[in-house]
Amino acid sequence: MSEVVIQVDCLSKQYRLGQIGGKRLVDDVNRWWAKLRGQADPRSKLGSQWSANQT
């Protein structure tokens, strides 16, 4: 028989999407990438744009 070398109980995973907080991860990544490059928010309403310095 083999003996237990490592045992883990109550392990979980948590994702923190920060201030963007959309419904899909792909949308959050696209918004983050646009913000990083100083471009308009791809999910914003027509005519509105965020500042690249805004956090």
PDB file of N, CA and C in Angstrom:
ATOM      1  N   MET A   1       0.829  -1.202   0.000  1.00  0.00           N
ATOM      2  CA  MET A   1       0.000   0.000   0.000  1.00  0.00           C
ATOM      3  C   MET A   1       0.864   1.252   0.000  1.00  0.00           C
ATOM      4  N   SER A   2       0.360   2.304  -0.610  1.00  0.00           N
ATOM      5  CA  SER A   2       1.079   3.590  -0.607  1.00  0.00           C
ATOM      6  C   SER A   2       0.567   4.459   0.541  1.00  0.00           C
ATOM      7  N   GLU A   3       1.438   5.242   1.093  1.00  0.00           N
ATOM      8  CA  GLU A   3       1.013   6.121   2.182  1.00  0.00           C
ATOM      9  C   GLU A   3       0.753   7.517   1.637  1.00  0.00           C
ATOM     10  N   VAL A   4      -0.120   8.247   2.314  1.00  0.00           N
ATOM     11  CA  VAL A   4      -0.484   9.595   1.899  1.00  0.00           C
ATOM     12  C   VAL A   4       0.664  10.545   2.221  1.00  0.00           C
ATOM     13  N   VAL A   5       1.131  11.269   1.205  1.00  0.00           N
ATOM     14  CA  VAL A   5       2.230  12.206   1.389  1.00  0.00           C
ATOM     15  C   VAL A   5       1.694  13.629   1.579  1.00  0.00           C
ATOM     16  N   ILE A   6       0.706  14.005   0.772  1.00  0.00           N
ATOM     17  CA  ILE A   6       0.087  15.329   0.870  1.00  0.00           C
ATOM     18  C   ILE A   6      -1.419  15.143   0.906  1.00  0.00           C
ATOM     19  N   GLN A   7      -2.062  15.806   1.851  1.00  0.00           N
ATOM     20  CA  GLN A   7      -3.518  15.757   1.954  1.00  0.00           C
ATOM     21  C   GLN A   7      -4.033  17.185   2.046  1.00  0.00           C
ATOM     22  N   VAL A   8      -5.056  17.496   1.258  1.00  0.00           N
ATOM     23  CA  VAL A   8      -5.629  18.842   1.230  1.00  0.00           C
ATOM     24  C   VAL A   8      -7.117  18.731   1.493  1.00  0.00           C
ATOM     25  N   ASP A   9      -7.600  19.542   2.432  1.00  0.00           N
ATOM     26  CA  ASP A   9      -9.027  19.593   2.744  1.00  0.00           C
ATOM     27  C   ASP A   9      -9.534  21.015   2.532  1.00  0.00           C
ATOM     28  N   CYS A  10     -10.770  21.121   2.136  1.00  0.00           N
ATOM     29  CA  CYS A  10     -11.452  22.425   1.991  1.00  0.00           C
ATOM     30  C   CYS A  10     -10.693  23.374   1.067  1.00  0.00           C
ATOM     31  N   LEU A  11     -10.261  22.917  -0.066  1.00  0.00           N
ATOM     32  CA  LEU A  11      -9.574  23.743  -1.049  1.00  0.00           C
ATOM     33  C   LEU A  11     -10.605  24.365  -1.974  1.00  0.00           C
ATOM     34  N   SER A  12     -10.448  25.645  -2.264  1.00  0.00           N
ATOM     35  CA  SER A  12     -11.365  26.314  -3.180  1.00  0.00           C
ATOM     36  C   SER A  12     -10.587  27.261  -4.074  1.00  0.00           C
ATOM     37  N   LYS A  13     -11.279  27.826  -5.039  1.00  0.00           N
ATOM     38  CA  LYS A  13     -10.674  28.759  -5.981  1.00  0.00           C
ATOM     39  C   LYS A  13     -11.578  29.980  -6.061  1.00  0.00           C
ATOM     40  N   GLN A  14     -10.978  31.159  -6.123  1.00  0.00           N
ATOM     41  CA  GLN A  14     -11.758  32.386  -6.201  1.00  0.00           C
ATOM     42  C   GLN A  14     -11.174  33.262  -7.297  1.00  0.00           C
ATOM     43  N   TYR A  15     -12.056  33.846  -8.116  1.00  0.00           N
ATOM     44  CA  TYR A  15     -11.628  34.744  -9.173  1.00  0.00           C
ATOM     45  C   TYR A  15     -12.055  36.156  -8.810  1.00  0.00           C
ATOM     46  N   ARG A  16     -11.113  37.078  -8.899  1.00  0.00           N
ATOM     47  CA  ARG A  16     -11.420  38.477  -8.651  1.00  0.00           C
ATOM     48  C   ARG A  16     -11.200  39.225  -9.943  1.00  0.00           C
ATOM     49  N   LEU A  17     -12.266  39.788 -10.494  1.00  0.00           N
ATOM     50  CA  LEU A  17     -12.173  40.471 -11.762  1.00  0.00           C
ATOM     51  C   LEU A  17     -11.946  41.966 -11.596  1.00  0.00           C
ATOM     52  N   GLY A  18     -11.852  42.414 -10.376  1.00  0.00           N
ATOM     53  CA  GLY A  18     -11.546  43.811 -10.127  1.00  0.00           C
ATOM     54  C   GLY A  18     -12.722  44.723 -10.358  1.00  0.00           C
ATOM     55  N   GLN A  19     -12.451  45.890 -10.880  1.00  0.00           N
ATOM     56  CA  GLN A  19     -13.461  46.926 -11.001  1.00  0.00           C
ATOM     57  C   GLN A  19     -14.320  46.786 -12.243  1.00  0.00           C
ATOM     58  N   ILE A  20     -13.962  45.903 -13.144  1.00  0.00           N
ATOM     59  CA  ILE A  20     -14.728  45.784 -14.383  1.00  0.00           C
ATOM     60  C   ILE A  20     -16.010  44.998 -14.126  1.00  0.00           C
ATOM     61  N   GLY A  21     -15.892  43.784 -13.659  1.00  0.00           N
ATOM     62  CA  GLY A  21     -17.019  42.991 -13.193  1.00  0.00           C
ATOM     63  C   GLY A  21     -18.140  42.737 -14.180  1.00  0.00           C
ATOM     64  N   GLY A  22     -17.824  42.335 -15.395  1.00  0.00           N
ATOM     65  CA  GLY A  22     -18.862  41.998 -16.357  1.00  0.00           C
ATOM     66  C   GLY A  22     -19.415  40.603 -16.118  1.00  0.00           C
ATOM     67  N   LYS A  23     -20.285  40.176 -16.987  1.00  0.00           N
ATOM     68  CA  LYS A  23     -20.901  38.862 -16.829  1.00  0.00           C
ATOM     69  C   LYS A  23     -20.052  37.748 -17.425  1.00  0.00           C
ATOM     70  N   ARG A  24     -19.203  38.092 -18.396  1.00  0.00           N
ATOM     71  CA  ARG A  24     -18.361  37.080 -19.027  1.00  0.00           C
ATOM     72  C   ARG A  24     -16.895  37.486 -18.916  1.00  0.00           C
ATOM     73  N   LEU A  25     -16.043  36.514 -18.707  1.00  0.00           N
ATOM     74  CA  LEU A  25     -14.613  36.769 -18.584  1.00  0.00           C
ATOM     75  C   LEU A  25     -14.045  37.400 -19.851  1.00  0.00           C
ATOM     76  N   VAL A  26     -14.496  36.955 -21.004  1.00  0.00           N
ATOM     77  CA  VAL A  26     -13.986  37.493 -22.268  1.00  0.00           C
ATOM     78  C   VAL A  26     -14.293  38.988 -22.372  1.00  0.00           C
ATOM     79  N   ASP A  27     -15.450  39.433 -21.893  1.00  0.00           N
ATOM     80  CA  ASP A  27     -15.785  40.858 -21.918  1.00  0.00           C
ATOM     81  C   ASP A  27     -14.864  41.641 -20.988  1.00  0.00           C
ATOM     82  N   ASP A  28     -14.601  41.098 -19.810  1.00  0.00           N
ATOM     83  CA  ASP A  28     -13.700  41.759 -18.863  1.00  0.00           C
ATOM     84  C   ASP A  28     -12.295  41.877 -19.427  1.00  0.00           C
ATOM     85  N   VAL A  29     -11.820  40.830 -20.074  1.00  0.00           N
ATOM     86  CA  VAL A  29     -10.476  40.850 -20.663  1.00  0.00           C
ATOM     87  C   VAL A  29     -10.418  41.871 -21.788  1.00  0.00           C
ATOM     88  N   ASN A  30     -11.433  41.937 -22.642  1.00  0.00           N
ATOM     89  CA  ASN A  30     -11.460  42.905 -23.734  1.00  0.00           C
ATOM     90  C   ASN A  30     -11.490  44.336 -23.205  1.00  0.00           C
ATOM     91  N   ARG A  31     -12.265  44.578 -22.156  1.00  0.00           N
ATOM     92  CA  ARG A  31     -12.339  45.914 -21.564  1.00  0.00           C
ATOM     93  C   ARG A  31     -11.004  46.285 -20.925  1.00  0.00           C
ATOM     94  N   TRP A  32     -10.383  45.334 -20.216  1.00  0.00           N
ATOM     95  CA  TRP A  32      -9.096  45.587 -19.577  1.00  0.00           C
ATOM     96  C   TRP A  32      -8.035  45.895 -20.635  1.00  0.00           C
ATOM     97  N   TRP A  33      -8.024  45.141 -21.722  1.00  0.00           N
ATOM     98  CA  TRP A  33      -7.030  45.325 -22.778  1.00  0.00           C
ATOM     99  C   TRP A  33      -7.214  46.686 -23.453  1.00  0.00           C
ATOM    100  N   ALA A  34      -8.448  47.086 -23.704  1.00  0.00           N
ATOM    101  CA  ALA A  34      -8.707  48.393 -24.307  1.00  0.00           C
ATOM    102  C   ALA A  34      -8.260  49.504 -23.361  1.00  0.00           C
ATOM    103  N   LYS A  35      -8.544  49.352 -22.079  1.00  0.00           N
ATOM    104  CA  LYS A  35      -8.146  50.356 -21.086  1.00  0.00           C
ATOM    105  C   LYS A  35      -6.632  50.459 -21.011  1.00  0.00           C
ATOM    106  N   LEU A  36      -5.951  49.335 -21.059  1.00  0.00           N
ATOM    107  CA  LEU A  36      -4.499  49.302 -20.995  1.00  0.00           C
ATOM    108  C   LEU A  36      -3.871  50.055 -22.176  1.00  0.00           C
ATOM    109  N   ARG A  37      -4.496  49.943 -23.343  1.00  0.00           N
ATOM    110  CA  ARG A  37      -3.991  50.610 -24.547  1.00  0.00           C
ATOM    111  C   ARG A  37      -4.502  52.037 -24.697  1.00  0.00           C
ATOM    112  N   GLY A  38      -5.347  52.490 -23.770  1.00  0.00           N
ATOM    113  CA  GLY A  38      -5.875  53.849 -23.835  1.00  0.00           C
ATOM    114  C   GLY A  38      -6.963  54.018 -24.868  1.00  0.00           C
ATOM    115  N   GLN A  39      -7.637  52.943 -25.216  1.00  0.00           N
ATOM    116  CA  GLN A  39      -8.707  52.990 -26.211  1.00  0.00           C
ATOM    117  C   GLN A  39     -10.068  53.031 -25.524  1.00  0.00           C
ATOM    118  N   ALA A  40     -11.082  53.280 -26.325  1.00  0.00           N
ATOM    119  CA  ALA A  40     -12.446  53.335 -25.818  1.00  0.00           C
ATOM    120  C   ALA A  40     -12.885  51.977 -25.283  1.00  0.00           C
ATOM    121  N   ASP A  41     -13.744  52.012 -24.299  1.00  0.00           N
ATOM    122  CA  ASP A  41     -14.317  50.800 -23.738  1.00  0.00           C
ATOM    123  C   ASP A  41     -15.194  50.141 -24.800  1.00  0.00           C
ATOM    124  N   PRO A  42     -14.878  48.907 -25.209  1.00  0.00           N
ATOM    125  CA  PRO A  42     -15.659  48.257 -26.271  1.00  0.00           C
ATOM    126  C   PRO A  42     -17.093  47.919 -25.857  1.00  0.00           C
ATOM    127  N   ARG A  43     -17.385  47.940 -24.569  1.00  0.00           N
ATOM    128  CA  ARG A  43     -18.732  47.622 -24.090  1.00  0.00           C
ATOM    129  C   ARG A  43     -19.498  48.867 -23.650  1.00  0.00           C
ATOM    130  N   SER A  44     -18.925  50.071 -23.869  1.00  0.00           N
ATOM    131  CA  SER A  44     -19.591  51.293 -23.438  1.00  0.00           C
ATOM    132  C   SER A  44     -20.695  51.668 -24.417  1.00  0.00           C
ATOM    133  N   LYS A  45     -21.566  52.535 -23.951  1.00  0.00           N
ATOM    134  CA  LYS A  45     -22.637  53.027 -24.811  1.00  0.00           C
ATOM    135  C   LYS A  45     -22.046  53.991 -25.831  1.00  0.00           C
ATOM    136  N   LEU A  46     -22.711  54.138 -26.935  1.00  0.00           N
ATOM    137  CA  LEU A  46     -22.256  54.999 -28.022  1.00  0.00           C
ATOM    138  C   LEU A  46     -21.990  56.408 -27.514  1.00  0.00           C
ATOM    139  N   GLY A  47     -20.817  56.922 -27.813  1.00  0.00           N
ATOM    140  CA  GLY A  47     -20.476  58.284 -27.448  1.00  0.00           C
ATOM    141  C   GLY A  47     -19.766  58.439 -26.122  1.00  0.00           C
ATOM    142  N   SER A  48     -19.751  57.419 -25.282  1.00  0.00           N
ATOM    143  CA  SER A  48     -19.038  57.550 -24.009  1.00  0.00           C
ATOM    144  C   SER A  48     -17.696  56.843 -24.112  1.00  0.00           C
ATOM    145  N   GLN A  49     -16.713  57.382 -23.413  1.00  0.00           N
ATOM    146  CA  GLN A  49     -15.369  56.803 -23.450  1.00  0.00           C
ATOM    147  C   GLN A  49     -14.719  57.020 -22.089  1.00  0.00           C
ATOM    148  N   TRP A  50     -13.980  56.043 -21.633  1.00  0.00           N
ATOM    149  CA  TRP A  50     -13.278  56.199 -20.354  1.00  0.00           C
ATOM    150  C   TRP A  50     -11.881  56.743 -20.589  1.00  0.00           C
ATOM    151  N   SER A  51     -11.306  57.287 -19.570  1.00  0.00           N
ATOM    152  CA  SER A  51      -9.952  57.802 -19.640  1.00  0.00           C
ATOM    153  C   SER A  51      -8.978  56.675 -19.376  1.00  0.00           C
ATOM    154  N   ALA A  52      -7.826  56.691 -20.015  1.00  0.00           N
ATOM    155  CA  ALA A  52      -6.821  55.660 -19.798  1.00  0.00           C
ATOM    156  C   ALA A  52      -6.250  55.733 -18.387  1.00  0.00           C
ATOM    157  N   ASN A  53      -6.343  56.885 -17.740  1.00  0.00           N
ATOM    158  CA  ASN A  53      -5.831  57.054 -16.381  1.00  0.00           C
ATOM    159  C   ASN A  53      -6.840  56.669 -15.313  1.00  0.00           C
ATOM    160  N   GLN A  54      -8.067  56.439 -15.705  1.00  0.00           N
ATOM    161  CA  GLN A  54      -9.108  56.087 -14.754  1.00  0.00           C
ATOM    162  C   GLN A  54      -8.901  54.679 -14.231  1.00  0.00           C
ATOM    163  N   THR A  55      -9.097  54.464 -12.915  1.00  0.00           N
ATOM    164  CA  THR A  55      -8.914  53.136 -12.332  1.00  0.00           C
ATOM    165  C   THR A  55     -10.206  52.580 -11.835  1.00  0.00           C
TER     166      THR A  55
END
